[in-house]
Amino acid sequence: MFSNIDRKTFYNEAMRSGTLLGLLWIAMYAAAVGGMSNPSYLPFFMILFIASPFYAAYLAKCFRKKYCNNTMRFSQAWLFVLMEYLCASLLSAIVIFVYLKFFDSTVLTDTMGKMIQIIEQEPQIYGKSATQFKEAFEIYSGLSIRDIVLNITTSNLMNGTIIAIIIALFIKRNQQ
């Protein structure tokens, strides 16, 4: 699989790129948390959310140009992007865990409580989704911080697996 590059360089660069992607995700998480109290942060969150896969593709493309003589098979591209997402997920999970455990463990439950109050004030607007949201909040409020972080990390990895396939289709370049 690694015909034109050694494994150590491949994984080191994937981890470096994943760290950069993880820093982007941490900024995105900070914007989401900030957006819960100040809606002016939400556009910043959306920009980072949309830019995230493009940044991962850019990092993979830079790796392909620098280390692979501008040729990379689909399997290499997929594995590289998957490793990026794995490292980014682990880094962001650590930061989210530390934030929730030591700084603000009630930010999510307080925000959900405010949303419940808004839904209860306007039940005709939300209809059946109001009861579904209340049920989801009851389930969510029973989760521990570890469970929340595990849920976020698993979601990031599952999304990353799918996105890695799409990015790899664009990044791969066969020898000519």
N, C-alpha and C. Protein backbone atom coordinates (compact mmCIF):
# COMPACT_ATOMS: atom_id res chain seq x y z
N MET A 1 0.81 -1.20 0.00
CA MET A 1 0.00 0.00 0.00
C MET A 1 0.85 1.26 0.00
N PHE A 2 1.97 1.21 0.68
CA PHE A 2 2.84 2.37 0.79
C PHE A 2 4.05 2.19 -0.14
N SER A 3 3.83 2.25 -1.42
CA SER A 3 4.92 2.01 -2.35
C SER A 3 5.83 3.22 -2.52
N ASN A 4 5.26 4.42 -2.52
CA ASN A 4 6.08 5.59 -2.79
C ASN A 4 6.39 6.42 -1.54
N ILE A 5 6.05 5.93 -0.37
CA ILE A 5 6.32 6.66 0.87
C ILE A 5 6.39 5.67 2.03
N ASP A 6 7.23 5.95 3.01
CA ASP A 6 7.33 5.01 4.13
C ASP A 6 6.18 5.25 5.13
N ARG A 7 5.86 4.23 5.86
CA ARG A 7 4.73 4.26 6.80
C ARG A 7 4.89 5.33 7.87
N LYS A 8 6.08 5.48 8.40
CA LYS A 8 6.30 6.43 9.49
C LYS A 8 5.98 7.85 9.04
N THR A 9 6.46 8.23 7.88
CA THR A 9 6.17 9.57 7.36
C THR A 9 4.67 9.73 7.11
N PHE A 10 4.06 8.69 6.54
CA PHE A 10 2.63 8.74 6.26
C PHE A 10 1.84 9.01 7.53
N TYR A 11 2.06 8.21 8.57
CA TYR A 11 1.29 8.37 9.80
C TYR A 11 1.66 9.64 10.56
N ASN A 12 2.93 10.03 10.53
CA ASN A 12 3.32 11.28 11.19
C ASN A 12 2.63 12.48 10.55
N GLU A 13 2.61 12.50 9.24
CA GLU A 13 1.95 13.62 8.54
C GLU A 13 0.44 13.58 8.72
N ALA A 14 -0.14 12.38 8.76
CA ALA A 14 -1.58 12.27 9.00
C ALA A 14 -1.93 12.78 10.40
N MET A 15 -1.08 12.45 11.38
CA MET A 15 -1.33 12.94 12.75
C MET A 15 -1.12 14.44 12.85
N ARG A 16 -0.13 14.97 12.15
CA ARG A 16 0.09 16.42 12.15
C ARG A 16 -1.11 17.13 11.52
N SER A 17 -1.56 16.61 10.40
CA SER A 17 -2.73 17.20 9.74
C SER A 17 -3.97 17.06 10.60
N GLY A 18 -4.11 15.91 11.26
CA GLY A 18 -5.25 15.70 12.16
C GLY A 18 -5.22 16.64 13.34
N THR A 19 -4.03 16.97 13.82
CA THR A 19 -3.91 17.93 14.92
C THR A 19 -4.38 19.31 14.47
N LEU A 20 -3.99 19.70 13.26
CA LEU A 20 -4.44 20.99 12.72
C LEU A 20 -5.95 21.01 12.55
N LEU A 21 -6.50 19.91 12.04
CA LEU A 21 -7.95 19.79 11.89
C LEU A 21 -8.63 19.81 13.25
N GLY A 22 -8.03 19.16 14.23
CA GLY A 22 -8.57 19.16 15.59
C GLY A 22 -8.60 20.56 16.19
N LEU A 23 -7.59 21.36 15.92
CA LEU A 23 -7.59 22.75 16.40
C LEU A 23 -8.73 23.54 15.77
N LEU A 24 -9.01 23.26 14.51
CA LEU A 24 -10.17 23.89 13.85
C LEU A 24 -11.46 23.46 14.54
N TRP A 25 -11.57 22.19 14.88
CA TRP A 25 -12.76 21.69 15.56
C TRP A 25 -12.90 22.29 16.95
N ILE A 26 -11.79 22.50 17.63
CA ILE A 26 -11.85 23.12 18.95
C ILE A 26 -12.37 24.55 18.83
N ALA A 27 -11.91 25.27 17.82
CA ALA A 27 -12.43 26.62 17.58
C ALA A 27 -13.92 26.55 17.24
N MET A 28 -14.31 25.54 16.50
CA MET A 28 -15.72 25.37 16.15
C MET A 28 -16.56 25.08 17.40
N TYR A 29 -16.03 24.26 18.29
CA TYR A 29 -16.73 23.96 19.54
C TYR A 29 -16.84 25.21 20.40
N ALA A 30 -15.77 25.99 20.45
CA ALA A 30 -15.80 27.23 21.23
C ALA A 30 -16.85 28.19 20.66
N ALA A 31 -16.96 28.25 19.34
CA ALA A 31 -17.97 29.10 18.73
C ALA A 31 -19.38 28.58 19.02
N ALA A 32 -19.55 27.27 19.06
CA ALA A 32 -20.87 26.70 19.39
C ALA A 32 -21.25 27.00 20.83
N VAL A 33 -20.30 26.86 21.74
CA VAL A 33 -20.58 27.16 23.15
C VAL A 33 -20.85 28.65 23.31
N GLY A 34 -20.06 29.47 22.65
CA GLY A 34 -20.29 30.91 22.71
C GLY A 34 -21.62 31.30 22.09
N GLY A 35 -22.03 30.57 21.06
CA GLY A 35 -23.30 30.84 20.40
C GLY A 35 -24.51 30.53 21.26
N MET A 36 -24.32 29.72 22.30
CA MET A 36 -25.44 29.42 23.19
C MET A 36 -25.82 30.63 24.04
N SER A 37 -24.86 31.48 24.32
CA SER A 37 -25.17 32.66 25.11
C SER A 37 -25.18 33.93 24.27
N ASN A 38 -24.49 33.92 23.14
CA ASN A 38 -24.42 35.09 22.27
C ASN A 38 -24.55 34.62 20.82
N PRO A 39 -25.70 34.82 20.19
CA PRO A 39 -25.93 34.31 18.83
C PRO A 39 -25.00 34.86 17.76
N SER A 40 -24.24 35.90 18.07
CA SER A 40 -23.34 36.43 17.05
C SER A 40 -22.17 35.49 16.76
N TYR A 41 -21.95 34.47 17.60
CA TYR A 41 -20.90 33.48 17.36
C TYR A 41 -21.36 32.38 16.41
N LEU A 42 -22.65 32.26 16.19
CA LEU A 42 -23.15 31.15 15.38
C LEU A 42 -22.71 31.20 13.92
N PRO A 43 -22.62 32.38 13.28
CA PRO A 43 -22.08 32.38 11.91
C PRO A 43 -20.64 31.88 11.85
N PHE A 44 -19.85 32.20 12.85
CA PHE A 44 -18.48 31.71 12.92
C PHE A 44 -18.47 30.19 13.02
N PHE A 45 -19.37 29.64 13.83
CA PHE A 45 -19.50 28.19 13.94
C PHE A 45 -19.86 27.58 12.59
N MET A 46 -20.82 28.16 11.90
CA MET A 46 -21.26 27.61 10.62
C MET A 46 -20.14 27.67 9.57
N ILE A 47 -19.38 28.75 9.56
CA ILE A 47 -18.27 28.86 8.61
C ILE A 47 -17.24 27.77 8.88
N LEU A 48 -16.89 27.57 10.15
CA LEU A 48 -15.92 26.54 10.50
C LEU A 48 -16.46 25.15 10.21
N PHE A 49 -17.74 24.94 10.45
CA PHE A 49 -18.37 23.64 10.20
C PHE A 49 -18.31 23.29 8.71
N ILE A 50 -18.61 24.25 7.87
CA ILE A 50 -18.59 24.02 6.43
C ILE A 50 -17.15 23.90 5.93
N ALA A 51 -16.23 24.67 6.51
CA ALA A 51 -14.84 24.66 6.05
C ALA A 51 -14.08 23.41 6.47
N SER A 52 -14.54 22.71 7.48
CA SER A 52 -13.81 21.57 8.03
C SER A 52 -13.46 20.50 7.00
N PRO A 53 -14.40 19.97 6.21
CA PRO A 53 -14.00 18.94 5.24
C PRO A 53 -13.09 19.50 4.13
N PHE A 54 -13.29 20.77 3.77
CA PHE A 54 -12.43 21.37 2.75
C PHE A 54 -11.00 21.52 3.27
N TYR A 55 -10.88 21.83 4.55
CA TYR A 55 -9.55 21.95 5.15
C TYR A 55 -8.88 20.58 5.22
N ALA A 56 -9.63 19.56 5.56
CA ALA A 56 -9.08 18.20 5.59
C ALA A 56 -8.61 17.79 4.19
N ALA A 57 -9.40 18.13 3.17
CA ALA A 57 -9.01 17.81 1.80
C ALA A 57 -7.76 18.60 1.39
N TYR A 58 -7.71 19.85 1.80
CA TYR A 58 -6.54 20.68 1.49
C TYR A 58 -5.27 20.08 2.12
N LEU A 59 -5.36 19.67 3.37
CA LEU A 59 -4.20 19.07 4.04
C LEU A 59 -3.77 17.78 3.35
N ALA A 60 -4.74 16.97 2.92
CA ALA A 60 -4.41 15.72 2.23
C ALA A 60 -3.78 16.01 0.86
N LYS A 61 -4.28 17.03 0.21
CA LYS A 61 -3.72 17.40 -1.09
C LYS A 61 -2.29 17.91 -0.95
N CYS A 62 -2.03 18.68 0.08
CA CYS A 62 -0.67 19.15 0.35
C CYS A 62 0.26 17.98 0.63
N PHE A 63 -0.22 16.99 1.38
CA PHE A 63 0.58 15.79 1.64
C PHE A 63 0.88 15.06 0.34
N ARG A 64 -0.12 14.93 -0.50
CA ARG A 64 0.07 14.24 -1.79
C ARG A 64 1.14 14.93 -2.63
N LYS A 65 1.08 16.26 -2.67
CA LYS A 65 2.05 17.00 -3.48
C LYS A 65 3.46 16.93 -2.90
N LYS A 66 3.57 17.03 -1.58
CA LYS A 66 4.88 17.13 -0.95
C LYS A 66 5.59 15.77 -0.84
N TYR A 67 4.85 14.72 -0.52
CA TYR A 67 5.48 13.45 -0.19
C TYR A 67 5.21 12.33 -1.22
N CYS A 68 4.23 12.48 -2.04
CA CYS A 68 3.84 11.36 -2.91
C CYS A 68 4.05 11.64 -4.40
N ASN A 69 4.85 12.63 -4.74
CA ASN A 69 5.08 12.97 -6.14
C ASN A 69 3.77 13.22 -6.88
N ASN A 70 2.83 13.78 -6.19
CA ASN A 70 1.51 14.16 -6.73
C ASN A 70 0.72 12.95 -7.24
N THR A 71 1.02 11.75 -6.74
CA THR A 71 0.22 10.57 -7.06
C THR A 71 -0.16 9.88 -5.75
N MET A 72 -1.40 9.48 -5.66
CA MET A 72 -1.88 8.82 -4.45
C MET A 72 -3.07 7.94 -4.82
N ARG A 73 -3.01 6.69 -4.41
CA ARG A 73 -4.13 5.79 -4.67
C ARG A 73 -5.30 6.13 -3.75
N PHE A 74 -6.47 5.63 -4.12
CA PHE A 74 -7.67 5.88 -3.32
C PHE A 74 -7.50 5.37 -1.90
N SER A 75 -6.95 4.18 -1.75
CA SER A 75 -6.80 3.60 -0.41
C SER A 75 -5.87 4.43 0.46
N GLN A 76 -4.80 4.97 -0.13
CA GLN A 76 -3.90 5.84 0.63
C GLN A 76 -4.60 7.13 1.03
N ALA A 77 -5.32 7.73 0.09
CA ALA A 77 -6.02 8.98 0.38
C ALA A 77 -7.08 8.76 1.45
N TRP A 78 -7.82 7.65 1.34
CA TRP A 78 -8.86 7.37 2.33
C TRP A 78 -8.26 7.16 3.71
N LEU A 79 -7.19 6.39 3.79
CA LEU A 79 -6.55 6.13 5.07
C LEU A 79 -5.96 7.41 5.65
N PHE A 80 -5.38 8.25 4.82
CA PHE A 80 -4.81 9.50 5.31
C PHE A 80 -5.89 10.39 5.91
N VAL A 81 -6.98 10.57 5.20
CA VAL A 81 -8.07 11.42 5.70
C VAL A 81 -8.72 10.79 6.92
N LEU A 82 -8.86 9.48 6.93
CA LEU A 82 -9.42 8.80 8.10
C LEU A 82 -8.53 9.01 9.32
N MET A 83 -7.22 8.93 9.15
CA MET A 83 -6.29 9.19 10.25
C MET A 83 -6.37 10.65 10.71
N GLU A 84 -6.56 11.56 9.76
CA GLU A 84 -6.77 12.96 10.13
C GLU A 84 -7.97 13.09 11.05
N TYR A 85 -9.08 12.48 10.65
CA TYR A 85 -10.31 12.58 11.43
C TYR A 85 -10.17 11.88 12.78
N LEU A 86 -9.45 10.78 12.83
CA LEU A 86 -9.23 10.09 14.09
C LEU A 86 -8.46 10.98 15.07
N CYS A 87 -7.38 11.56 14.61
CA CYS A 87 -6.58 12.44 15.48
C CYS A 87 -7.36 13.68 15.88
N ALA A 88 -8.09 14.27 14.95
CA ALA A 88 -8.90 15.45 15.25
C ALA A 88 -9.98 15.11 16.27
N SER A 89 -10.59 13.94 16.12
CA SER A 89 -11.63 13.52 17.06
C SER A 89 -11.07 13.32 18.47
N LEU A 90 -9.92 12.70 18.55
CA LEU A 90 -9.32 12.47 19.87
C LEU A 90 -8.91 13.78 20.54
N LEU A 91 -8.31 14.68 19.78
CA LEU A 91 -7.91 15.97 20.34
C LEU A 91 -9.11 16.78 20.80
N SER A 92 -10.13 16.84 19.96
CA SER A 92 -11.32 17.61 20.35
C SER A 92 -12.05 16.94 21.52
N ALA A 93 -12.02 15.62 21.58
CA ALA A 93 -12.67 14.92 22.71
C ALA A 93 -11.99 15.27 24.03
N ILE A 94 -10.68 15.35 24.00
CA ILE A 94 -9.95 15.71 25.23
C ILE A 94 -10.33 17.12 25.68
N VAL A 95 -10.35 18.05 24.74
CA VAL A 95 -10.68 19.43 25.08
C VAL A 95 -12.13 19.55 25.56
N ILE A 96 -13.06 18.87 24.90
CA ILE A 96 -14.47 18.92 25.31
C ILE A 96 -14.63 18.31 26.70
N PHE A 97 -13.96 17.19 26.94
CA PHE A 97 -14.05 16.56 28.25
C PHE A 97 -13.52 17.49 29.35
N VAL A 98 -12.36 18.07 29.13
CA VAL A 98 -11.78 18.98 30.13
C VAL A 98 -12.70 20.17 30.35
N TYR A 99 -13.25 20.72 29.28
CA TYR A 99 -14.15 21.87 29.42
C TYR A 99 -15.39 21.50 30.23
N LEU A 100 -16.03 20.40 29.87
CA LEU A 100 -17.25 20.02 30.56
C LEU A 100 -16.99 19.56 32.00
N LYS A 101 -15.89 18.90 32.22
CA LYS A 101 -15.60 18.35 33.55
C LYS A 101 -15.16 19.44 34.52
N PHE A 102 -14.31 20.36 34.08
CA PHE A 102 -13.69 21.28 35.01
C PHE A 102 -14.14 22.73 34.89
N PHE A 103 -14.72 23.13 33.77
CA PHE A 103 -15.05 24.53 33.61
C PHE A 103 -16.54 24.81 33.62
N ASP A 104 -17.30 24.08 32.81
CA ASP A 104 -18.72 24.39 32.70
C ASP A 104 -19.51 23.13 32.43
N SER A 105 -19.81 22.40 33.46
CA SER A 105 -20.51 21.12 33.28
C SER A 105 -22.00 21.30 33.01
N THR A 106 -22.53 22.47 33.22
CA THR A 106 -23.97 22.68 33.06
C THR A 106 -24.35 23.45 31.81
N VAL A 107 -23.40 23.79 30.96
CA VAL A 107 -23.70 24.62 29.80
C VAL A 107 -24.72 23.95 28.88
N LEU A 108 -24.58 22.66 28.65
CA LEU A 108 -25.50 21.99 27.74
C LEU A 108 -26.88 21.80 28.36
N THR A 109 -26.93 21.39 29.62
CA THR A 109 -28.23 21.18 30.25
C THR A 109 -28.96 22.50 30.47
N ASP A 110 -28.24 23.58 30.78
CA ASP A 110 -28.88 24.88 30.92
C ASP A 110 -29.48 25.36 29.60
N THR A 111 -28.74 25.16 28.52
CA THR A 111 -29.23 25.56 27.21
C THR A 111 -30.46 24.75 26.82
N MET A 112 -30.42 23.45 27.09
CA MET A 112 -31.59 22.62 26.79
C MET A 112 -32.78 23.04 27.63
N GLY A 113 -32.55 23.40 28.88
CA GLY A 113 -33.63 23.87 29.74
C GLY A 113 -34.26 25.15 29.21
N LYS A 114 -33.44 26.06 28.71
CA LYS A 114 -33.95 27.30 28.12
C LYS A 114 -34.78 27.00 26.88
N MET A 115 -34.33 26.03 26.10
CA MET A 115 -35.07 25.65 24.89
C MET A 115 -36.42 25.05 25.26
N ILE A 116 -36.46 24.26 26.31
CA ILE A 116 -37.72 23.68 26.79
C ILE A 116 -38.69 24.79 27.18
N GLN A 117 -38.19 25.79 27.89
CA GLN A 117 -39.04 26.91 28.30
C GLN A 117 -39.61 27.64 27.09
N ILE A 118 -38.79 27.85 26.07
CA ILE A 118 -39.25 28.52 24.85
C ILE A 118 -40.31 27.68 24.16
N ILE A 119 -40.10 26.38 24.11
CA ILE A 119 -41.07 25.49 23.47
C ILE A 119 -42.38 25.49 24.25
N GLU A 120 -42.32 25.49 25.57
CA GLU A 120 -43.52 25.49 26.38
C GLU A 120 -44.30 26.79 26.24
N GLN A 121 -43.62 27.90 25.95
CA GLN A 121 -44.31 29.17 25.77
C GLN A 121 -45.04 29.24 24.44
N GLU A 122 -44.55 28.53 23.43
CA GLU A 122 -45.13 28.55 22.09
C GLU A 122 -45.45 27.13 21.61
N PRO A 123 -46.34 26.40 22.29
CA PRO A 123 -46.57 24.99 21.90
C PRO A 123 -47.23 24.84 20.53
N GLN A 124 -48.01 25.83 20.09
CA GLN A 124 -48.67 25.71 18.80
C GLN A 124 -47.68 25.79 17.64
N ILE A 125 -46.55 26.44 17.83
CA ILE A 125 -45.55 26.54 16.77
C ILE A 125 -44.80 25.22 16.60
N TYR A 126 -44.47 24.57 17.71
CA TYR A 126 -43.63 23.39 17.66
C TYR A 126 -44.41 22.09 17.52
N GLY A 127 -45.65 22.07 17.91
CA GLY A 127 -46.51 20.91 17.73
C GLY A 127 -45.97 19.65 18.38
N LYS A 128 -45.99 18.54 17.61
CA LYS A 128 -45.56 17.24 18.12
C LYS A 128 -44.06 17.20 18.42
N SER A 129 -43.29 18.03 17.75
CA SER A 129 -41.84 18.00 17.99
C SER A 129 -41.51 18.50 19.39
N ALA A 130 -42.41 19.25 20.03
CA ALA A 130 -42.15 19.73 21.40
C ALA A 130 -42.05 18.55 22.36
N THR A 131 -42.96 17.59 22.26
CA THR A 131 -42.89 16.43 23.15
C THR A 131 -41.67 15.56 22.85
N GLN A 132 -41.33 15.43 21.57
CA GLN A 132 -40.14 14.66 21.21
C GLN A 132 -38.88 15.33 21.75
N PHE A 133 -38.84 16.65 21.68
CA PHE A 133 -37.68 17.37 22.20
C PHE A 133 -37.58 17.21 23.71
N LYS A 134 -38.70 17.25 24.40
CA LYS A 134 -38.69 17.07 25.86
C LYS A 134 -38.21 15.68 26.23
N GLU A 135 -38.66 14.66 25.49
CA GLU A 135 -38.21 13.29 25.76
C GLU A 135 -36.71 13.15 25.51
N ALA A 136 -36.22 13.75 24.43
CA ALA A 136 -34.79 13.70 24.13
C ALA A 136 -33.99 14.41 25.22
N PHE A 137 -34.51 15.51 25.72
CA PHE A 137 -33.81 16.24 26.78
C PHE A 137 -33.75 15.41 28.06
N GLU A 138 -34.83 14.70 28.38
CA GLU A 138 -34.82 13.86 29.57
C GLU A 138 -33.76 12.76 29.46
N ILE A 139 -33.65 12.17 28.28
CA ILE A 139 -32.63 11.14 28.06
C ILE A 139 -31.24 11.76 28.14
N TYR A 140 -31.08 12.89 27.49
CA TYR A 140 -29.78 13.55 27.43
C TYR A 140 -29.32 14.02 28.80
N SER A 141 -30.24 14.53 29.60
CA SER A 141 -29.86 15.05 30.92
C SER A 141 -29.39 13.93 31.85
N GLY A 142 -29.72 12.69 31.54
CA GLY A 142 -29.28 11.57 32.35
C GLY A 142 -27.89 11.06 31.99
N LEU A 143 -27.31 11.59 30.92
CA LEU A 143 -25.98 11.13 30.49
C LEU A 143 -24.88 11.78 31.32
N SER A 144 -23.82 11.05 31.53
CA SER A 144 -22.66 11.61 32.21
C SER A 144 -21.80 12.36 31.20
N ILE A 145 -20.84 13.11 31.69
CA ILE A 145 -19.93 13.85 30.81
C ILE A 145 -19.16 12.88 29.92
N ARG A 146 -18.75 11.77 30.48
CA ARG A 146 -18.03 10.76 29.71
C ARG A 146 -18.89 10.25 28.55
N ASP A 147 -20.18 10.00 28.82
CA ASP A 147 -21.08 9.53 27.78
C ASP A 147 -21.29 10.57 26.69
N ILE A 148 -21.39 11.82 27.09
CA ILE A 148 -21.57 12.90 26.11
C ILE A 148 -20.35 13.00 25.19
N VAL A 149 -19.17 12.98 25.79
CA VAL A 149 -17.94 13.07 25.00
C VAL A 149 -17.79 11.84 24.11
N LEU A 150 -18.12 10.68 24.61
CA LEU A 150 -18.06 9.46 23.80
C LEU A 150 -19.03 9.54 22.63
N ASN A 151 -20.21 10.08 22.86
CA ASN A 151 -21.20 10.25 21.80
C ASN A 151 -20.68 11.21 20.73
N ILE A 152 -20.11 12.33 21.14
CA ILE A 152 -19.58 13.30 20.19
C ILE A 152 -18.42 12.70 19.39
N THR A 153 -17.53 11.98 20.07
CA THR A 153 -16.38 11.38 19.40
C THR A 153 -16.82 10.31 18.41
N THR A 154 -17.76 9.48 18.80
CA THR A 154 -18.26 8.44 17.90
C THR A 154 -18.92 9.07 16.68
N SER A 155 -19.67 10.11 16.90
CA SER A 155 -20.31 10.81 15.78
C SER A 155 -19.26 11.40 14.84
N ASN A 156 -18.22 12.01 15.41
CA ASN A 156 -17.15 12.56 14.58
C ASN A 156 -16.46 11.48 13.76
N LEU A 157 -16.22 10.33 14.36
CA LEU A 157 -15.55 9.24 13.65
C LEU A 157 -16.44 8.64 12.55
N MET A 158 -17.71 8.48 12.84
CA MET A 158 -18.61 7.95 11.81
C MET A 158 -18.74 8.92 10.64
N ASN A 159 -18.92 10.19 10.95
CA ASN A 159 -18.99 11.19 9.89
C ASN A 159 -17.67 11.26 9.13
N GLY A 160 -16.57 11.16 9.86
CA GLY A 160 -15.25 11.19 9.24
C GLY A 160 -15.02 10.04 8.29
N THR A 161 -15.53 8.87 8.63
CA THR A 161 -15.38 7.71 7.75
C THR A 161 -16.08 7.95 6.42
N ILE A 162 -17.27 8.51 6.48
CA ILE A 162 -18.02 8.79 5.25
C ILE A 162 -17.38 9.93 4.47
N ILE A 163 -17.01 10.98 5.17
CA ILE A 163 -16.39 12.14 4.51
C ILE A 163 -15.04 11.75 3.92
N ALA A 164 -14.32 10.86 4.57
CA ALA A 164 -13.01 10.42 4.06
C ALA A 164 -13.16 9.73 2.70
N ILE A 165 -14.22 8.99 2.52
CA ILE A 165 -14.46 8.35 1.22
C ILE A 165 -14.66 9.41 0.14
N ILE A 166 -15.47 10.41 0.45
CA ILE A 166 -15.75 11.46 -0.52
C ILE A 166 -14.48 12.27 -0.84
N ILE A 167 -13.74 12.63 0.20
CA ILE A 167 -12.51 13.40 -0.01
C ILE A 167 -11.50 12.57 -0.79
N ALA A 168 -11.38 11.30 -0.46
CA ALA A 168 -10.41 10.43 -1.15
C ALA A 168 -10.70 10.33 -2.65
N LEU A 169 -11.96 10.38 -3.01
CA LEU A 169 -12.30 10.35 -4.44
C LEU A 169 -11.77 11.57 -5.17
N PHE A 170 -11.71 12.70 -4.48
CA PHE A 170 -11.21 13.92 -5.11
C PHE A 170 -9.69 14.04 -5.00
N ILE A 171 -9.10 13.47 -3.97
CA ILE A 171 -7.68 13.62 -3.69
C ILE A 171 -6.84 12.61 -4.49
N LYS A 172 -7.37 11.43 -4.71
CA LYS A 172 -6.57 10.39 -5.37
C LYS A 172 -6.11 10.86 -6.74
N ARG A 173 -4.93 10.44 -7.09
CA ARG A 173 -4.41 10.75 -8.41
C ARG A 173 -3.47 9.62 -8.78
N ASN A 174 -3.79 8.94 -9.87
CA ASN A 174 -2.99 7.80 -10.31
C ASN A 174 -1.78 8.25 -11.11
N GLN A 175 -0.79 7.35 -11.21
CA GLN A 175 0.40 7.66 -12.01
C GLN A 175 0.01 7.75 -13.47
N GLN A 176 0.68 8.66 -14.16
CA GLN A 176 0.35 8.83 -15.59
C GLN A 176 1.47 8.38 -16.46
